[in-house]
Amino acid sequence: MTNIDGTIIEEIQKRTAVASEHDLYRDIAGALPAGERAQFATAAALTPTDLLAIGKEFYTKRLRPQVHDVICGKLKYCDNRHVYESAAEIVGLVATGVGEALASAHGIPSDVGGSSGKLVVAASAAVLKEGLNNFCGCM
């Protein structure tokens, strides 16, 4: 698992705590590279409503299934959830899964700097808002 910087973990925890689901979708759309965003809208100036729709569609239809495959499938969260001793470890797991999904499925760099970092923070917070047990369907 990639070592995620403590500052990024804190930022993800803050966004999870204070941002609404709609705020996170807008954050996701705002952090998407222009080429990805253009697949959903071609307007020169996007409104907050446009960003909400773009972020929600990208997350639910394109990113979430890939993150699910990584965290719930490859990393077997449900089977291994007992090994995570802190919230920071779980946030790191999610950020790693989001970064891997962005890189492998979408060609977006998996580093956590710049706009990729904003995308990792917003998408990780969206996953955590769902709750990992719910996200992965753990019993």
N, C-alpha and C. Protein backbone atom coordinates (compact mmCIF):
# COMPACT_ATOMS: atom_id res chain seq x y z
N MET A 1 0.85 -1.18 0.00
CA MET A 1 0.00 0.00 0.00
C MET A 1 0.89 1.23 0.00
N THR A 2 0.51 2.24 -0.79
CA THR A 2 1.25 3.47 -0.87
C THR A 2 1.21 4.21 0.45
N ASN A 3 2.32 4.84 0.82
CA ASN A 3 2.36 5.63 2.03
C ASN A 3 1.77 7.01 1.75
N ILE A 4 0.65 7.33 2.35
CA ILE A 4 -0.04 8.60 2.14
C ILE A 4 0.38 9.57 3.23
N ASP A 5 0.76 10.75 2.82
CA ASP A 5 1.20 11.81 3.72
C ASP A 5 0.12 12.14 4.76
N GLY A 6 0.54 12.39 5.99
CA GLY A 6 -0.39 12.73 7.08
C GLY A 6 -1.23 13.95 6.80
N THR A 7 -0.68 14.91 6.06
CA THR A 7 -1.43 16.12 5.72
C THR A 7 -2.62 15.78 4.81
N ILE A 8 -2.40 14.89 3.87
CA ILE A 8 -3.48 14.46 2.97
C ILE A 8 -4.54 13.70 3.76
N ILE A 9 -4.11 12.84 4.67
CA ILE A 9 -5.06 12.11 5.51
C ILE A 9 -5.92 13.08 6.31
N GLU A 10 -5.30 14.09 6.89
CA GLU A 10 -6.06 15.10 7.65
C GLU A 10 -7.05 15.83 6.76
N GLU A 11 -6.62 16.20 5.57
CA GLU A 11 -7.50 16.92 4.64
C GLU A 11 -8.70 16.05 4.26
N ILE A 12 -8.47 14.78 4.02
CA ILE A 12 -9.57 13.86 3.68
C ILE A 12 -10.53 13.75 4.87
N GLN A 13 -9.98 13.62 6.08
CA GLN A 13 -10.83 13.52 7.27
C GLN A 13 -11.67 14.78 7.45
N LYS A 14 -11.08 15.94 7.21
CA LYS A 14 -11.83 17.21 7.34
C LYS A 14 -12.94 17.29 6.30
N ARG A 15 -12.63 16.96 5.04
CA ARG A 15 -13.65 17.02 3.99
C ARG A 15 -14.77 16.03 4.27
N THR A 16 -14.44 14.85 4.80
CA THR A 16 -15.45 13.86 5.13
C THR A 16 -16.38 14.39 6.20
N ALA A 17 -15.82 15.09 7.18
CA ALA A 17 -16.61 15.58 8.31
C ALA A 17 -17.48 16.78 7.95
N VAL A 18 -16.97 17.70 7.13
CA VAL A 18 -17.69 18.96 6.93
C VAL A 18 -18.41 19.11 5.59
N ALA A 19 -17.99 18.40 4.58
CA ALA A 19 -18.57 18.58 3.25
C ALA A 19 -19.80 17.70 3.06
N SER A 20 -20.79 18.27 2.40
CA SER A 20 -21.96 17.47 2.04
C SER A 20 -21.60 16.62 0.82
N GLU A 21 -22.44 15.66 0.53
CA GLU A 21 -22.24 14.83 -0.65
C GLU A 21 -22.20 15.71 -1.91
N HIS A 22 -23.08 16.70 -1.98
CA HIS A 22 -23.10 17.61 -3.13
C HIS A 22 -21.81 18.42 -3.23
N ASP A 23 -21.30 18.88 -2.08
CA ASP A 23 -20.02 19.61 -2.09
C ASP A 23 -18.91 18.73 -2.65
N LEU A 24 -18.90 17.47 -2.27
CA LEU A 24 -17.86 16.55 -2.72
C LEU A 24 -17.97 16.30 -4.22
N TYR A 25 -19.18 16.16 -4.73
CA TYR A 25 -19.36 15.98 -6.18
C TYR A 25 -18.85 17.21 -6.94
N ARG A 26 -19.14 18.40 -6.41
CA ARG A 26 -18.64 19.63 -7.06
C ARG A 26 -17.11 19.68 -6.99
N ASP A 27 -16.55 19.26 -5.86
CA ASP A 27 -15.08 19.21 -5.72
C ASP A 27 -14.47 18.24 -6.74
N ILE A 28 -15.11 17.10 -6.91
CA ILE A 28 -14.62 16.10 -7.86
C ILE A 28 -14.63 16.69 -9.26
N ALA A 29 -15.74 17.29 -9.66
CA ALA A 29 -15.82 17.88 -11.00
C ALA A 29 -14.80 18.98 -11.19
N GLY A 30 -14.62 19.81 -10.18
CA GLY A 30 -13.65 20.91 -10.28
C GLY A 30 -12.21 20.44 -10.38
N ALA A 31 -11.93 19.26 -9.83
CA ALA A 31 -10.56 18.74 -9.84
C ALA A 31 -10.27 17.84 -11.04
N LEU A 32 -11.30 17.49 -11.80
CA LEU A 32 -11.07 16.65 -12.98
C LEU A 32 -10.22 17.37 -14.01
N PRO A 33 -9.31 16.68 -14.65
CA PRO A 33 -8.60 17.30 -15.77
C PRO A 33 -9.61 17.75 -16.84
N ALA A 34 -9.28 18.81 -17.55
CA ALA A 34 -10.20 19.38 -18.53
C ALA A 34 -10.72 18.34 -19.52
N GLY A 35 -9.87 17.43 -19.95
CA GLY A 35 -10.27 16.41 -20.91
C GLY A 35 -11.34 15.49 -20.36
N GLU A 36 -11.22 15.11 -19.09
CA GLU A 36 -12.24 14.26 -18.46
C GLU A 36 -13.54 15.04 -18.30
N ARG A 37 -13.43 16.28 -17.82
CA ARG A 37 -14.61 17.10 -17.60
C ARG A 37 -15.35 17.37 -18.91
N ALA A 38 -14.62 17.54 -20.00
CA ALA A 38 -15.22 17.83 -21.31
C ALA A 38 -16.06 16.67 -21.82
N GLN A 39 -15.82 15.47 -21.32
CA GLN A 39 -16.64 14.33 -21.73
C GLN A 39 -18.06 14.43 -21.19
N PHE A 40 -18.25 15.27 -20.18
CA PHE A 40 -19.56 15.42 -19.55
C PHE A 40 -20.24 16.73 -19.91
N ALA A 41 -19.47 17.77 -20.24
CA ALA A 41 -20.05 19.08 -20.56
C ALA A 41 -19.07 19.87 -21.41
N THR A 42 -19.61 20.69 -22.29
CA THR A 42 -18.76 21.48 -23.17
C THR A 42 -18.90 22.98 -22.92
N ALA A 43 -19.67 23.36 -21.93
CA ALA A 43 -19.88 24.78 -21.64
C ALA A 43 -18.56 25.44 -21.24
N ALA A 44 -18.39 26.67 -21.70
CA ALA A 44 -17.17 27.42 -21.37
C ALA A 44 -17.13 27.75 -19.89
N ALA A 45 -18.26 28.13 -19.33
CA ALA A 45 -18.33 28.47 -17.91
C ALA A 45 -19.35 27.54 -17.26
N LEU A 46 -18.87 26.68 -16.39
CA LEU A 46 -19.76 25.71 -15.75
C LEU A 46 -20.36 26.30 -14.49
N THR A 47 -21.65 26.09 -14.30
CA THR A 47 -22.33 26.57 -13.10
C THR A 47 -22.14 25.54 -11.99
N PRO A 48 -22.43 25.94 -10.74
CA PRO A 48 -22.36 24.96 -9.66
C PRO A 48 -23.26 23.74 -9.90
N THR A 49 -24.42 23.95 -10.53
CA THR A 49 -25.30 22.83 -10.84
C THR A 49 -24.66 21.90 -11.86
N ASP A 50 -24.00 22.48 -12.88
CA ASP A 50 -23.28 21.66 -13.85
C ASP A 50 -22.20 20.85 -13.16
N LEU A 51 -21.43 21.50 -12.28
CA LEU A 51 -20.35 20.79 -11.59
C LEU A 51 -20.89 19.67 -10.72
N LEU A 52 -22.03 19.90 -10.07
CA LEU A 52 -22.64 18.86 -9.26
C LEU A 52 -22.99 17.65 -10.13
N ALA A 53 -23.63 17.89 -11.25
CA ALA A 53 -24.03 16.79 -12.14
C ALA A 53 -22.82 16.06 -12.72
N ILE A 54 -21.80 16.81 -13.13
CA ILE A 54 -20.58 16.20 -13.69
C ILE A 54 -19.88 15.36 -12.64
N GLY A 55 -19.69 15.92 -11.45
CA GLY A 55 -19.00 15.20 -10.38
C GLY A 55 -19.74 13.95 -9.95
N LYS A 56 -21.06 14.06 -9.85
CA LYS A 56 -21.86 12.90 -9.43
C LYS A 56 -21.79 11.80 -10.49
N GLU A 57 -21.92 12.17 -11.76
CA GLU A 57 -21.86 11.16 -12.81
C GLU A 57 -20.49 10.51 -12.89
N PHE A 58 -19.42 11.32 -12.81
CA PHE A 58 -18.08 10.74 -12.86
C PHE A 58 -17.86 9.80 -11.69
N TYR A 59 -18.23 10.23 -10.49
CA TYR A 59 -18.01 9.41 -9.30
C TYR A 59 -18.84 8.12 -9.35
N THR A 60 -20.14 8.25 -9.56
CA THR A 60 -21.01 7.08 -9.44
C THR A 60 -20.84 6.09 -10.59
N LYS A 61 -20.64 6.60 -11.80
CA LYS A 61 -20.61 5.70 -12.95
C LYS A 61 -19.22 5.28 -13.40
N ARG A 62 -18.22 6.12 -13.14
CA ARG A 62 -16.89 5.81 -13.68
C ARG A 62 -15.86 5.51 -12.61
N LEU A 63 -15.87 6.26 -11.52
CA LEU A 63 -14.81 6.07 -10.52
C LEU A 63 -15.20 5.07 -9.44
N ARG A 64 -16.40 5.18 -8.91
CA ARG A 64 -16.81 4.33 -7.79
C ARG A 64 -16.64 2.84 -8.10
N PRO A 65 -17.08 2.36 -9.27
CA PRO A 65 -16.89 0.92 -9.55
C PRO A 65 -15.41 0.50 -9.54
N GLN A 66 -14.54 1.37 -10.03
CA GLN A 66 -13.11 1.04 -10.04
C GLN A 66 -12.54 1.03 -8.63
N VAL A 67 -12.93 2.01 -7.82
CA VAL A 67 -12.46 2.07 -6.43
C VAL A 67 -12.99 0.85 -5.67
N HIS A 68 -14.23 0.48 -5.92
CA HIS A 68 -14.82 -0.70 -5.29
C HIS A 68 -14.00 -1.95 -5.62
N ASP A 69 -13.62 -2.10 -6.89
CA ASP A 69 -12.82 -3.25 -7.29
C ASP A 69 -11.49 -3.30 -6.54
N VAL A 70 -10.88 -2.13 -6.33
CA VAL A 70 -9.58 -2.09 -5.65
C VAL A 70 -9.75 -2.37 -4.15
N ILE A 71 -10.59 -1.58 -3.48
CA ILE A 71 -10.70 -1.68 -2.02
C ILE A 71 -11.40 -2.96 -1.58
N CYS A 72 -12.52 -3.25 -2.20
CA CYS A 72 -13.33 -4.39 -1.75
C CYS A 72 -12.86 -5.70 -2.37
N GLY A 73 -12.35 -5.63 -3.59
CA GLY A 73 -11.90 -6.83 -4.29
C GLY A 73 -10.43 -7.12 -4.04
N LYS A 74 -9.58 -6.33 -4.66
CA LYS A 74 -8.14 -6.57 -4.59
C LYS A 74 -7.60 -6.53 -3.15
N LEU A 75 -8.00 -5.51 -2.39
CA LEU A 75 -7.48 -5.37 -1.02
C LEU A 75 -8.33 -6.10 0.02
N LYS A 76 -9.46 -6.66 -0.39
CA LYS A 76 -10.32 -7.47 0.48
C LYS A 76 -10.63 -6.79 1.81
N TYR A 77 -11.18 -5.58 1.72
CA TYR A 77 -11.45 -4.81 2.94
C TYR A 77 -12.29 -5.60 3.94
N CYS A 78 -13.37 -6.21 3.50
CA CYS A 78 -14.26 -6.91 4.44
C CYS A 78 -13.53 -7.99 5.23
N ASP A 79 -12.67 -8.73 4.56
CA ASP A 79 -11.91 -9.79 5.23
C ASP A 79 -10.81 -9.24 6.13
N ASN A 80 -10.30 -8.07 5.79
CA ASN A 80 -9.14 -7.53 6.51
C ASN A 80 -9.44 -6.31 7.37
N ARG A 81 -10.68 -5.95 7.53
CA ARG A 81 -10.99 -4.70 8.24
C ARG A 81 -10.52 -4.70 9.68
N HIS A 82 -10.37 -5.85 10.27
CA HIS A 82 -9.91 -5.94 11.65
C HIS A 82 -8.43 -5.55 11.82
N VAL A 83 -7.67 -5.50 10.74
CA VAL A 83 -6.25 -5.20 10.86
C VAL A 83 -5.96 -3.69 10.92
N TYR A 84 -6.95 -2.88 10.60
CA TYR A 84 -6.74 -1.42 10.62
C TYR A 84 -7.00 -0.91 12.03
N GLU A 85 -5.95 -0.35 12.62
CA GLU A 85 -6.02 0.03 14.03
C GLU A 85 -6.42 1.48 14.25
N SER A 86 -6.45 2.28 13.21
CA SER A 86 -6.78 3.69 13.40
C SER A 86 -7.57 4.21 12.21
N ALA A 87 -8.24 5.32 12.43
CA ALA A 87 -8.97 5.97 11.34
C ALA A 87 -8.00 6.40 10.25
N ALA A 88 -6.81 6.84 10.64
CA ALA A 88 -5.82 7.27 9.66
C ALA A 88 -5.42 6.12 8.73
N GLU A 89 -5.33 4.92 9.25
CA GLU A 89 -4.99 3.76 8.40
C GLU A 89 -6.11 3.48 7.39
N ILE A 90 -7.35 3.62 7.82
CA ILE A 90 -8.48 3.39 6.92
C ILE A 90 -8.52 4.48 5.86
N VAL A 91 -8.30 5.73 6.26
CA VAL A 91 -8.27 6.83 5.29
C VAL A 91 -7.13 6.60 4.29
N GLY A 92 -5.98 6.15 4.77
CA GLY A 92 -4.86 5.85 3.88
C GLY A 92 -5.21 4.74 2.89
N LEU A 93 -5.91 3.72 3.35
CA LEU A 93 -6.36 2.64 2.48
C LEU A 93 -7.27 3.19 1.38
N VAL A 94 -8.22 4.03 1.75
CA VAL A 94 -9.15 4.59 0.77
C VAL A 94 -8.42 5.49 -0.21
N ALA A 95 -7.53 6.35 0.28
CA ALA A 95 -6.79 7.25 -0.61
C ALA A 95 -5.92 6.45 -1.59
N THR A 96 -5.32 5.38 -1.12
CA THR A 96 -4.53 4.51 -1.99
C THR A 96 -5.42 3.87 -3.06
N GLY A 97 -6.57 3.38 -2.64
CA GLY A 97 -7.51 2.76 -3.58
C GLY A 97 -8.01 3.74 -4.62
N VAL A 98 -8.33 4.96 -4.20
CA VAL A 98 -8.79 5.99 -5.12
C VAL A 98 -7.67 6.35 -6.09
N GLY A 99 -6.46 6.55 -5.58
CA GLY A 99 -5.32 6.89 -6.44
C GLY A 99 -5.05 5.81 -7.46
N GLU A 100 -5.11 4.55 -7.03
CA GLU A 100 -4.88 3.43 -7.95
C GLU A 100 -5.96 3.37 -9.03
N ALA A 101 -7.22 3.57 -8.64
CA ALA A 101 -8.32 3.54 -9.60
C ALA A 101 -8.20 4.69 -10.60
N LEU A 102 -7.83 5.86 -10.13
CA LEU A 102 -7.66 7.01 -11.03
C LEU A 102 -6.55 6.74 -12.04
N ALA A 103 -5.47 6.16 -11.57
CA ALA A 103 -4.34 5.91 -12.45
C ALA A 103 -4.62 4.79 -13.45
N SER A 104 -5.17 3.69 -12.97
CA SER A 104 -5.34 2.53 -13.85
C SER A 104 -6.52 2.67 -14.81
N ALA A 105 -7.61 3.20 -14.34
CA ALA A 105 -8.81 3.25 -15.18
C ALA A 105 -8.94 4.54 -15.98
N HIS A 106 -8.34 5.60 -15.50
CA HIS A 106 -8.57 6.90 -16.12
C HIS A 106 -7.30 7.60 -16.58
N GLY A 107 -6.15 7.02 -16.30
CA GLY A 107 -4.89 7.61 -16.73
C GLY A 107 -4.56 8.90 -16.01
N ILE A 108 -5.21 9.15 -14.88
CA ILE A 108 -4.94 10.36 -14.10
C ILE A 108 -3.85 10.00 -13.10
N PRO A 109 -2.78 10.80 -13.03
CA PRO A 109 -1.67 10.46 -12.13
C PRO A 109 -2.15 10.16 -10.72
N SER A 110 -1.57 9.13 -10.12
CA SER A 110 -2.01 8.72 -8.79
C SER A 110 -1.34 9.49 -7.66
N ASP A 111 -0.44 10.43 -8.01
CA ASP A 111 0.18 11.21 -6.95
C ASP A 111 -0.87 12.09 -6.28
N VAL A 112 -0.55 12.61 -5.12
CA VAL A 112 -1.54 13.39 -4.38
C VAL A 112 -1.22 14.88 -4.39
N GLY A 113 -0.45 15.33 -5.34
CA GLY A 113 -0.15 16.75 -5.47
C GLY A 113 -1.02 17.39 -6.53
N GLY A 114 -1.17 18.69 -6.47
CA GLY A 114 -1.90 19.43 -7.50
C GLY A 114 -3.35 19.02 -7.62
N SER A 115 -3.89 19.11 -8.84
CA SER A 115 -5.30 18.80 -9.03
C SER A 115 -5.60 17.33 -8.79
N SER A 116 -4.63 16.47 -9.05
CA SER A 116 -4.83 15.04 -8.74
C SER A 116 -5.06 14.87 -7.25
N GLY A 117 -4.33 15.62 -6.45
CA GLY A 117 -4.50 15.56 -5.00
C GLY A 117 -5.88 15.99 -4.57
N LYS A 118 -6.38 17.06 -5.17
CA LYS A 118 -7.74 17.52 -4.85
C LYS A 118 -8.76 16.47 -5.22
N LEU A 119 -8.53 15.81 -6.33
CA LEU A 119 -9.45 14.75 -6.77
C LEU A 119 -9.39 13.56 -5.83
N VAL A 120 -8.20 13.18 -5.40
CA VAL A 120 -8.05 12.07 -4.44
C VAL A 120 -8.73 12.42 -3.12
N VAL A 121 -8.56 13.65 -2.65
CA VAL A 121 -9.18 14.07 -1.39
C VAL A 121 -10.70 14.01 -1.51
N ALA A 122 -11.26 14.61 -2.56
CA ALA A 122 -12.71 14.65 -2.70
C ALA A 122 -13.31 13.26 -2.90
N ALA A 123 -12.70 12.46 -3.75
CA ALA A 123 -13.23 11.12 -4.01
C ALA A 123 -13.08 10.22 -2.79
N SER A 124 -11.97 10.34 -2.08
CA SER A 124 -11.79 9.55 -0.86
C SER A 124 -12.83 9.92 0.18
N ALA A 125 -13.08 11.21 0.33
CA ALA A 125 -14.11 11.66 1.28
C ALA A 125 -15.49 11.14 0.88
N ALA A 126 -15.78 11.10 -0.42
CA ALA A 126 -17.06 10.57 -0.88
C ALA A 126 -17.21 9.09 -0.52
N VAL A 127 -16.14 8.32 -0.69
CA VAL A 127 -16.17 6.90 -0.32
C VAL A 127 -16.39 6.77 1.19
N LEU A 128 -15.65 7.54 1.97
CA LEU A 128 -15.76 7.46 3.43
C LEU A 128 -17.14 7.90 3.91
N LYS A 129 -17.76 8.86 3.23
CA LYS A 129 -19.11 9.30 3.59
C LYS A 129 -20.09 8.13 3.49
N GLU A 130 -19.87 7.25 2.53
CA GLU A 130 -20.74 6.08 2.37
C GLU A 130 -20.54 5.08 3.50
N GLY A 131 -19.35 5.08 4.11
CA GLY A 131 -18.99 4.09 5.11
C GLY A 131 -18.44 2.87 4.40
N LEU A 132 -17.25 2.44 4.77
CA LEU A 132 -16.60 1.33 4.06
C LEU A 132 -17.35 0.02 4.18
N ASN A 133 -17.96 -0.25 5.32
CA ASN A 133 -18.73 -1.48 5.45
C ASN A 133 -19.89 -1.48 4.46
N ASN A 134 -20.56 -0.35 4.32
CA ASN A 134 -21.65 -0.22 3.36
C ASN A 134 -21.11 -0.24 1.93
N PHE A 135 -20.04 0.51 1.68
CA PHE A 135 -19.45 0.60 0.35
C PHE A 135 -19.10 -0.79 -0.18
N CYS A 136 -18.50 -1.62 0.67
CA CYS A 136 -18.07 -2.96 0.26
C CYS A 136 -19.12 -4.03 0.51
N GLY A 137 -20.19 -3.69 1.21
CA GLY A 137 -21.22 -4.69 1.50
C GLY A 137 -20.78 -5.71 2.53
N CYS A 138 -19.97 -5.27 3.50
CA CYS A 138 -19.50 -6.19 4.54
C CYS A 138 -20.66 -6.61 5.44
N MET A 139 -20.59 -7.86 5.87
CA MET A 139 -21.62 -8.38 6.80
C MET A 139 -21.14 -8.28 8.22
